[in-house]
Amino acid sequence: MLGGAGSRTFAAAASRTHFRALVIGSGFGGSVAALRLGQAGVDTLVVERGRE
């Protein structure tokens, strides 16, 4: 998972255009899915709408 908007990881991912997996939502199911994909070595992007 990426860090906050000011993090180096966020900046690096923001410049990328292709990921092998996209997880929408960081709730329980999305978090577990992203964890498992990451453990399997799959480049994964997690997007979250947030409350704003």
N, C-alpha and C. Protein backbone atom coordinates (compact mmCIF):
# COMPACT_ATOMS: atom_id res chain seq x y z
N MET A 1 0.83 -1.17 0.00
CA MET A 1 0.00 0.00 0.00
C MET A 1 0.88 1.24 0.00
N LEU A 2 0.33 2.30 -0.51
CA LEU A 2 1.09 3.54 -0.62
C LEU A 2 0.97 4.36 0.65
N GLY A 3 1.94 5.23 0.86
CA GLY A 3 1.89 6.14 1.98
C GLY A 3 0.97 7.31 1.67
N GLY A 4 0.98 8.32 2.53
CA GLY A 4 0.16 9.50 2.34
C GLY A 4 0.61 10.33 1.16
N ALA A 5 -0.14 11.38 0.86
CA ALA A 5 0.11 12.19 -0.32
C ALA A 5 1.50 12.83 -0.34
N GLY A 6 2.14 13.00 0.79
CA GLY A 6 3.47 13.60 0.82
C GLY A 6 4.61 12.60 0.80
N SER A 7 4.31 11.32 0.76
CA SER A 7 5.36 10.31 0.87
C SER A 7 6.05 10.06 -0.47
N ARG A 8 7.26 9.56 -0.40
CA ARG A 8 8.04 9.22 -1.59
C ARG A 8 7.36 8.10 -2.37
N THR A 9 6.79 7.12 -1.67
CA THR A 9 6.11 6.00 -2.33
C THR A 9 4.92 6.51 -3.13
N PHE A 10 4.17 7.43 -2.56
CA PHE A 10 3.01 8.00 -3.25
C PHE A 10 3.45 8.71 -4.52
N ALA A 11 4.51 9.51 -4.43
CA ALA A 11 5.00 10.26 -5.59
C ALA A 11 5.46 9.32 -6.69
N ALA A 12 6.14 8.24 -6.34
CA ALA A 12 6.60 7.27 -7.33
C ALA A 12 5.42 6.58 -8.00
N ALA A 13 4.42 6.21 -7.23
CA ALA A 13 3.25 5.52 -7.80
C ALA A 13 2.41 6.47 -8.64
N ALA A 14 2.35 7.73 -8.27
CA ALA A 14 1.55 8.70 -9.01
C ALA A 14 2.07 8.88 -10.43
N SER A 15 3.35 8.66 -10.65
CA SER A 15 3.91 8.81 -11.98
C SER A 15 3.77 7.55 -12.83
N ARG A 16 3.38 6.45 -12.23
CA ARG A 16 3.19 5.19 -12.97
C ARG A 16 1.82 5.17 -13.61
N THR A 17 1.71 4.46 -14.71
CA THR A 17 0.42 4.36 -15.40
C THR A 17 -0.10 2.93 -15.47
N HIS A 18 0.72 1.94 -15.13
CA HIS A 18 0.29 0.54 -15.23
C HIS A 18 0.60 -0.22 -13.94
N PHE A 19 -0.41 -0.93 -13.46
CA PHE A 19 -0.28 -1.84 -12.32
C PHE A 19 -0.93 -3.14 -12.73
N ARG A 20 -0.45 -4.23 -12.23
CA ARG A 20 -1.05 -5.53 -12.58
C ARG A 20 -2.38 -5.74 -11.88
N ALA A 21 -2.58 -5.07 -10.73
CA ALA A 21 -3.84 -5.23 -10.00
C ALA A 21 -4.28 -3.89 -9.44
N LEU A 22 -5.59 -3.69 -9.40
CA LEU A 22 -6.19 -2.49 -8.82
C LEU A 22 -7.20 -2.96 -7.79
N VAL A 23 -7.04 -2.48 -6.56
CA VAL A 23 -7.99 -2.80 -5.50
C VAL A 23 -8.73 -1.51 -5.17
N ILE A 24 -10.05 -1.55 -5.27
CA ILE A 24 -10.87 -0.37 -5.00
C ILE A 24 -11.46 -0.52 -3.61
N GLY A 25 -11.05 0.39 -2.72
CA GLY A 25 -11.52 0.38 -1.34
C GLY A 25 -10.51 -0.26 -0.41
N SER A 26 -10.33 0.36 0.74
CA SER A 26 -9.36 -0.16 1.70
C SER A 26 -10.03 -0.73 2.95
N GLY A 27 -11.29 -1.14 2.80
CA GLY A 27 -11.97 -1.81 3.90
C GLY A 27 -11.34 -3.18 4.15
N PHE A 28 -12.00 -3.97 4.97
CA PHE A 28 -11.42 -5.27 5.34
C PHE A 28 -11.10 -6.12 4.12
N GLY A 29 -12.04 -6.27 3.21
CA GLY A 29 -11.82 -7.12 2.04
C GLY A 29 -10.74 -6.59 1.13
N GLY A 30 -10.76 -5.26 0.88
CA GLY A 30 -9.75 -4.66 0.03
C GLY A 30 -8.36 -4.74 0.62
N SER A 31 -8.28 -4.54 1.91
CA SER A 31 -6.97 -4.60 2.58
C SER A 31 -6.38 -6.00 2.51
N VAL A 32 -7.20 -7.00 2.75
CA VAL A 32 -6.73 -8.39 2.69
C VAL A 32 -6.33 -8.75 1.26
N ALA A 33 -7.14 -8.32 0.29
CA ALA A 33 -6.81 -8.61 -1.11
C ALA A 33 -5.48 -7.96 -1.49
N ALA A 34 -5.29 -6.70 -1.11
CA ALA A 34 -4.04 -6.00 -1.43
C ALA A 34 -2.85 -6.65 -0.74
N LEU A 35 -3.04 -7.09 0.50
CA LEU A 35 -1.97 -7.77 1.22
C LEU A 35 -1.56 -9.05 0.50
N ARG A 36 -2.54 -9.86 0.14
CA ARG A 36 -2.24 -11.13 -0.52
C ARG A 36 -1.59 -10.91 -1.88
N LEU A 37 -2.06 -9.93 -2.64
CA LEU A 37 -1.45 -9.63 -3.94
C LEU A 37 -0.01 -9.17 -3.75
N GLY A 38 0.23 -8.30 -2.77
CA GLY A 38 1.58 -7.83 -2.49
C GLY A 38 2.50 -8.95 -2.07
N GLN A 39 2.00 -9.85 -1.23
CA GLN A 39 2.80 -10.99 -0.79
C GLN A 39 3.16 -11.89 -1.97
N ALA A 40 2.30 -11.92 -2.98
CA ALA A 40 2.55 -12.74 -4.17
C ALA A 40 3.44 -12.02 -5.17
N GLY A 41 3.84 -10.79 -4.85
CA GLY A 41 4.73 -10.05 -5.73
C GLY A 41 4.04 -9.31 -6.86
N VAL A 42 2.73 -9.13 -6.75
CA VAL A 42 1.96 -8.45 -7.79
C VAL A 42 1.96 -6.95 -7.50
N ASP A 43 2.33 -6.13 -8.52
CA ASP A 43 2.27 -4.68 -8.37
C ASP A 43 0.81 -4.28 -8.22
N THR A 44 0.46 -3.69 -7.08
CA THR A 44 -0.93 -3.43 -6.75
C THR A 44 -1.12 -1.97 -6.37
N LEU A 45 -2.18 -1.37 -6.86
CA LEU A 45 -2.57 -0.01 -6.49
C LEU A 45 -3.88 -0.09 -5.73
N VAL A 46 -3.94 0.54 -4.56
CA VAL A 46 -5.16 0.61 -3.77
C VAL A 46 -5.68 2.04 -3.85
N VAL A 47 -6.93 2.20 -4.24
CA VAL A 47 -7.54 3.53 -4.29
C VAL A 47 -8.69 3.57 -3.27
N GLU A 48 -8.82 4.71 -2.63
CA GLU A 48 -9.82 4.90 -1.59
C GLU A 48 -10.43 6.28 -1.77
N ARG A 49 -11.72 6.35 -1.73
CA ARG A 49 -12.41 7.63 -1.88
C ARG A 49 -12.23 8.50 -0.65
N GLY A 50 -12.26 7.93 0.51
CA GLY A 50 -12.13 8.70 1.74
C GLY A 50 -13.43 9.38 2.11
N ARG A 51 -13.37 10.21 3.12
CA ARG A 51 -14.59 10.85 3.63
C ARG A 51 -14.73 12.30 3.22
N GLU A 52 -13.80 12.80 2.46
CA GLU A 52 -13.84 14.23 2.08
C GLU A 52 -14.65 14.46 0.85
